[in-house]
Amino acid sequence: MSVAKSDYKRVTTKSLFDMKQKGEKISMLTAYDYTMAKIVDTAGIDVILVGDSASNVMAGHETTLPITLDQMIYHASSVVRAAERALVVVDLPFGSYQSDSKEALRSAIRVMKESGGHAVKLEGGKEIKDSIKKILQAGIPVMGHLGLTPQSIYKFGTYTVRAKEDAEAEKLIEDAKLLEKIGCFALVLEKIPAALAQKVSESISIPVIGIGAGGGVDGQVLVLHDMIGMTHEFSPRFLRRYMNLFDDMTKAIGQYAADVKSKDFPNANEQY
């Protein structure tokens, strides 16, 4: 069933709830800088996630763990300046909220005040509920994140599909209901079985946005650089590449270098 796209001048947390109620799917992509965020926003994406995946795609780290709160604020402030329509959600990085709820609140306040972001995202369920509650009590919207939580990669030991076993699946459902109960406005489910993700989406009223979680959820998120093919080493089953910018950009840059070497650039029409 196709559902007409709503014409929101500015997407808010309430907009996402309304989309779920109407059966309209939510589109979400990452962005980390002004130029790319401007393109993503102009294209009509509903939510821009300033993800801690910037640690991988922007800084070249193996995991998301090294990125700092200061660096996340820098990326987020660049994105916020570009976004006129999309809701901007900012990841709280590893180490900025796990130790205690007061630190979590301080981190979230810094993100909101210094970047102008609209909401924060935290990984985990019951184990971080106090941190989420503290942030929510300050009036800061929180998006949850369950399933494969990359900040816990060394605990998992692998990026494989999560919650395939009954015990882990049951805990995930319980955590999803808990996050809804304490006030999260939405939930990301990463790399879990599609049937489980759909079950979660149908069991809670807040929007569920999936990445590698099938089509039975309320929206989808991908890392922008993966989706447009700027990265090429990473090819999970859930990734659909809409462009192949790695090859296109390599060819264009190589042609520029060749034109400079051959003195073809600049020509008579490209100088004063």
Protein backbone atom coordinates (compact mmCIF):
# COMPACT_ATOMS: atom_id res chain seq x y z
CA MET A 1 0.00 0.00 0.00
CA SER A 2 1.46 3.36 -1.01
CA VAL A 3 1.07 6.28 1.37
CA ALA A 4 1.40 9.90 0.26
CA LYS A 5 4.38 11.76 1.65
CA SER A 6 3.44 14.43 4.18
CA ASP A 7 4.53 18.01 3.51
CA TYR A 8 6.34 18.96 6.71
CA LYS A 9 8.13 22.32 6.67
CA ARG A 10 10.12 21.10 9.68
CA VAL A 11 10.16 17.51 10.85
CA THR A 12 9.79 17.12 14.61
CA THR A 13 9.56 14.20 17.00
CA LYS A 14 5.75 14.55 16.78
CA SER A 15 5.97 14.41 12.98
CA LEU A 16 7.62 10.99 13.24
CA PHE A 17 4.91 9.73 15.58
CA ASP A 18 2.26 10.98 13.15
CA MET A 19 4.01 9.27 10.24
CA LYS A 20 3.86 5.96 12.07
CA GLN A 21 0.17 6.44 12.85
CA LYS A 22 -0.55 7.12 9.16
CA GLY A 23 1.64 4.29 7.88
CA GLU A 24 4.09 6.65 6.18
CA LYS A 25 7.64 5.28 6.20
CA ILE A 26 10.38 7.43 7.75
CA SER A 27 13.60 8.10 5.81
CA MET A 28 16.81 8.65 7.74
CA LEU A 29 20.43 9.07 6.62
CA THR A 30 23.69 10.04 8.30
CA ALA A 31 25.57 13.25 7.59
CA TYR A 32 28.61 14.76 9.25
CA ASP A 33 29.34 18.03 7.44
CA TYR A 34 27.55 21.09 6.07
CA THR A 35 27.85 20.36 2.35
CA MET A 36 26.56 16.80 2.47
CA ALA A 37 23.87 17.65 5.01
CA LYS A 38 22.58 20.41 2.72
CA ILE A 39 22.17 17.89 -0.09
CA VAL A 40 20.51 15.31 2.18
CA ASP A 41 18.11 17.90 3.57
CA THR A 42 17.24 19.31 0.14
CA ALA A 43 16.48 15.77 -1.07
CA GLY A 44 13.72 15.52 1.53
CA ILE A 45 15.16 13.08 4.08
CA ASP A 46 13.09 13.16 7.29
CA VAL A 47 15.84 12.59 9.85
CA ILE A 48 19.56 13.31 9.64
CA LEU A 49 21.60 11.26 12.07
CA VAL A 50 24.94 12.74 13.06
CA GLY A 51 26.22 9.30 13.84
CA ASP A 52 29.29 8.24 15.74
CA SER A 53 29.99 6.34 12.52
CA ALA A 54 31.86 9.57 11.71
CA SER A 55 34.64 7.80 13.60
CA ASN A 56 34.81 5.27 10.76
CA VAL A 57 33.93 7.17 7.59
CA MET A 58 35.35 10.60 8.42
CA ALA A 59 38.33 9.74 10.64
CA GLY A 60 39.28 6.26 9.44
CA HIS A 61 39.01 4.47 12.78
CA GLU A 62 38.21 0.76 12.90
CA THR A 63 35.35 1.27 15.39
CA THR A 64 33.08 4.04 16.65
CA LEU A 65 34.74 4.08 20.06
CA PRO A 66 37.51 6.70 19.55
CA ILE A 67 35.31 9.65 18.57
CA THR A 68 34.94 12.24 21.33
CA LEU A 69 32.07 14.40 22.51
CA ASP A 70 33.86 17.52 21.26
CA GLN A 71 34.23 15.96 17.81
CA MET A 72 30.56 14.93 17.73
CA ILE A 73 29.54 18.49 18.62
CA TYR A 74 31.73 19.83 15.80
CA HIS A 75 30.11 17.51 13.24
CA ALA A 76 26.61 18.16 14.59
CA SER A 77 26.95 21.94 14.50
CA SER A 78 27.96 21.74 10.84
CA VAL A 79 24.92 19.60 10.02
CA VAL A 80 22.49 21.78 11.97
CA ARG A 81 23.55 24.84 9.97
CA ALA A 82 22.57 23.01 6.78
CA ALA A 83 19.27 21.40 7.85
CA GLU A 84 16.16 23.45 7.19
CA ARG A 85 13.60 20.63 7.19
CA ALA A 86 15.06 17.45 8.66
CA LEU A 87 15.10 16.52 12.35
CA VAL A 88 18.77 16.35 13.43
CA VAL A 89 19.59 13.55 15.90
CA VAL A 90 23.08 13.35 17.41
CA ASP A 91 24.75 10.23 18.78
CA LEU A 92 26.19 10.48 22.26
CA PRO A 93 29.61 8.86 21.82
CA PHE A 94 31.09 6.02 23.81
CA GLY A 95 32.17 7.09 27.29
CA SER A 96 29.92 10.15 27.46
CA TYR A 97 26.90 8.57 29.19
CA GLN A 98 27.66 5.05 30.43
CA SER A 99 29.30 5.84 33.77
CA ASP A 100 26.43 7.66 35.47
CA SER A 101 23.27 9.60 34.72
CA LYS A 102 24.74 12.97 35.69
CA GLU A 103 27.52 12.63 33.14
CA ALA A 104 24.93 11.56 30.55
CA LEU A 105 22.91 14.70 31.22
CA ARG A 106 25.98 16.93 31.00
CA SER A 107 26.90 15.36 27.67
CA ALA A 108 23.39 15.74 26.26
CA ILE A 109 23.16 19.36 27.39
CA ARG A 110 26.47 20.15 25.70
CA VAL A 111 25.24 18.60 22.45
CA MET A 112 21.99 20.58 22.53
CA LYS A 113 23.55 23.91 23.56
CA GLU A 114 26.74 23.82 21.51
CA SER A 115 25.53 22.14 18.30
CA GLY A 116 21.87 23.13 18.15
CA GLY A 117 20.85 19.51 17.55
CA HIS A 118 17.24 18.52 18.07
CA ALA A 119 17.67 15.19 19.90
CA VAL A 120 20.25 12.67 21.06
CA LYS A 121 20.60 8.93 20.50
CA LEU A 122 21.94 6.44 23.05
CA GLU A 123 22.77 2.74 22.65
CA GLY A 124 21.35 0.24 25.13
CA GLY A 125 18.28 -0.72 27.12
CA LYS A 126 17.69 -1.42 30.79
CA GLU A 127 21.34 -0.88 31.69
CA ILE A 128 21.21 2.82 30.71
CA LYS A 129 17.63 3.63 31.69
CA ASP A 130 18.72 6.00 34.47
CA SER A 131 20.80 8.02 32.02
CA ILE A 132 17.91 8.21 29.57
CA LYS A 133 15.49 9.25 32.30
CA LYS A 134 17.83 12.00 33.48
CA ILE A 135 18.17 13.39 29.96
CA LEU A 136 14.44 13.24 29.34
CA GLN A 137 13.72 15.03 32.61
CA ALA A 138 15.75 17.95 31.26
CA GLY A 139 13.43 18.15 28.24
CA ILE A 140 15.88 16.65 25.75
CA PRO A 141 14.34 14.16 23.27
CA VAL A 142 16.00 10.73 23.21
CA MET A 143 16.10 8.12 20.46
CA GLY A 144 16.97 4.61 21.59
CA HIS A 145 19.15 2.03 19.81
CA LEU A 146 18.97 -1.74 20.30
CA GLY A 147 20.17 -4.89 18.55
CA LEU A 148 23.70 -4.58 17.24
CA THR A 149 25.10 -1.66 19.22
CA PRO A 150 28.49 -0.80 17.70
CA GLN A 151 29.78 0.88 20.86
CA SER A 152 29.69 -2.59 22.45
CA ILE A 153 31.57 -4.29 19.62
CA TYR A 154 34.33 -5.62 21.86
CA LYS A 155 31.72 -7.25 24.09
CA PHE A 156 30.01 -8.90 21.10
CA GLY A 157 33.28 -9.67 19.32
CA THR A 158 31.60 -9.55 15.92
CA TYR A 159 29.22 -7.49 13.77
CA THR A 160 26.97 -10.50 13.16
CA VAL A 161 23.17 -10.47 13.38
CA ARG A 162 21.93 -10.08 16.96
CA ALA A 163 18.91 -11.52 18.83
CA LYS A 164 18.65 -14.75 16.86
CA GLU A 165 18.35 -16.73 20.08
CA ASP A 166 15.15 -16.64 22.13
CA ALA A 167 16.68 -15.19 25.30
CA GLU A 168 18.32 -12.25 23.53
CA ALA A 169 15.21 -11.65 21.42
CA GLU A 170 13.02 -11.56 24.52
CA LYS A 171 15.37 -9.10 26.22
CA LEU A 172 15.32 -6.89 23.15
CA ILE A 173 11.51 -6.79 23.18
CA GLU A 174 11.52 -5.97 26.89
CA ASP A 175 14.08 -3.21 26.37
CA ALA A 176 12.08 -1.74 23.49
CA LYS A 177 8.94 -1.57 25.64
CA LEU A 178 10.98 -0.07 28.48
CA LEU A 179 12.42 2.65 26.23
CA GLU A 180 8.92 3.51 25.05
CA LYS A 181 7.61 3.58 28.63
CA ILE A 182 10.27 5.93 29.97
CA GLY A 183 9.72 8.36 27.10
CA CYS A 184 11.99 7.74 24.09
CA PHE A 185 10.42 9.24 20.96
CA ALA A 186 11.82 6.61 18.55
CA LEU A 187 14.00 3.52 18.39
CA VAL A 188 16.69 2.26 16.03
CA LEU A 189 16.98 -1.51 15.59
CA GLU A 190 20.22 -2.64 13.99
CA LYS A 191 20.97 -5.96 12.33
CA ILE A 192 18.33 -8.20 13.88
CA PRO A 193 15.97 -10.73 12.24
CA ALA A 194 13.24 -9.03 10.18
CA ALA A 195 10.42 -10.94 11.88
CA LEU A 196 11.61 -9.83 15.32
CA ALA A 197 11.96 -6.22 14.21
CA GLN A 198 8.42 -6.22 12.83
CA LYS A 199 7.16 -7.72 16.08
CA VAL A 200 8.81 -4.94 18.05
CA SER A 201 7.41 -2.27 15.73
CA GLU A 202 3.90 -3.66 16.11
CA SER A 203 4.20 -3.92 19.89
CA ILE A 204 5.13 -0.28 20.62
CA SER A 205 3.61 3.03 19.57
CA ILE A 206 6.85 4.94 18.93
CA PRO A 207 8.51 4.76 15.49
CA VAL A 208 11.01 1.97 14.90
CA ILE A 209 13.72 2.71 12.35
CA GLY A 210 15.73 -0.20 11.05
CA ILE A 211 19.16 -0.78 9.60
CA GLY A 212 19.47 -4.37 8.53
CA ALA A 213 16.15 -5.08 10.27
CA GLY A 214 13.85 -5.74 7.32
CA GLY A 215 10.94 -3.84 5.85
CA GLY A 216 8.39 -4.41 8.58
CA VAL A 217 9.53 -1.45 10.67
CA ASP A 218 8.48 2.20 10.43
CA GLY A 219 11.51 3.58 8.62
CA GLN A 220 15.02 2.94 7.37
CA VAL A 221 18.47 4.41 8.03
CA LEU A 222 21.74 3.95 6.17
CA VAL A 223 25.18 5.51 6.39
CA LEU A 224 25.27 8.10 3.60
CA HIS A 225 28.80 7.29 2.46
CA ASP A 226 27.85 3.61 2.06
CA MET A 227 24.58 4.39 0.25
CA ILE A 228 26.21 6.63 -2.37
CA GLY A 229 29.18 4.33 -2.84
CA MET A 230 31.94 6.56 -1.49
CA THR A 231 33.01 3.61 0.62
CA HIS A 232 33.49 0.33 -1.22
CA GLU A 233 35.05 -2.12 1.26
CA PHE A 234 31.80 -2.55 3.23
CA SER A 235 29.05 -4.63 1.56
CA PRO A 236 26.57 -6.10 4.06
CA ARG A 237 23.36 -7.68 2.79
CA PHE A 238 21.20 -4.79 3.99
CA LEU A 239 23.11 -2.12 2.03
CA ARG A 240 21.68 -0.87 -1.27
CA ARG A 241 24.11 1.35 -3.18
CA TYR A 242 22.35 4.04 -5.18
CA MET A 243 25.57 5.40 -6.73
CA ASN A 244 29.17 4.32 -7.17
CA LEU A 245 30.93 7.54 -6.24
CA PHE A 246 34.21 5.84 -5.35
CA ASP A 247 34.79 4.86 -8.98
CA ASP A 248 33.31 8.07 -10.41
CA MET A 249 35.35 10.34 -8.15
CA THR A 250 38.55 8.33 -8.64
CA LYS A 251 38.13 8.65 -12.41
CA ALA A 252 37.37 12.40 -12.25
CA ILE A 253 40.28 13.18 -9.92
CA GLY A 254 42.63 11.05 -12.01
CA GLN A 255 41.53 12.95 -15.13
CA TYR A 256 42.17 16.29 -13.38
CA ALA A 257 45.67 15.16 -12.40
CA ALA A 258 46.36 14.05 -15.97
CA ASP A 259 45.07 17.36 -17.38
CA VAL A 260 47.36 19.34 -15.07
CA LYS A 261 50.37 17.21 -15.99
CA SER A 262 49.65 17.54 -19.71
CA LYS A 263 49.04 21.30 -19.40
CA ASP A 264 45.52 20.81 -20.76
CA PHE A 265 44.16 22.53 -17.63
CA PRO A 266 43.69 25.43 -17.51
CA ASN A 267 42.93 26.24 -21.13
CA ALA A 268 42.47 29.72 -22.63
CA ASN A 269 38.86 29.93 -21.51
CA GLU A 270 39.71 29.03 -17.90
CA GLN A 271 42.00 31.94 -17.08
CA TYR A 272 41.80 35.74 -16.79
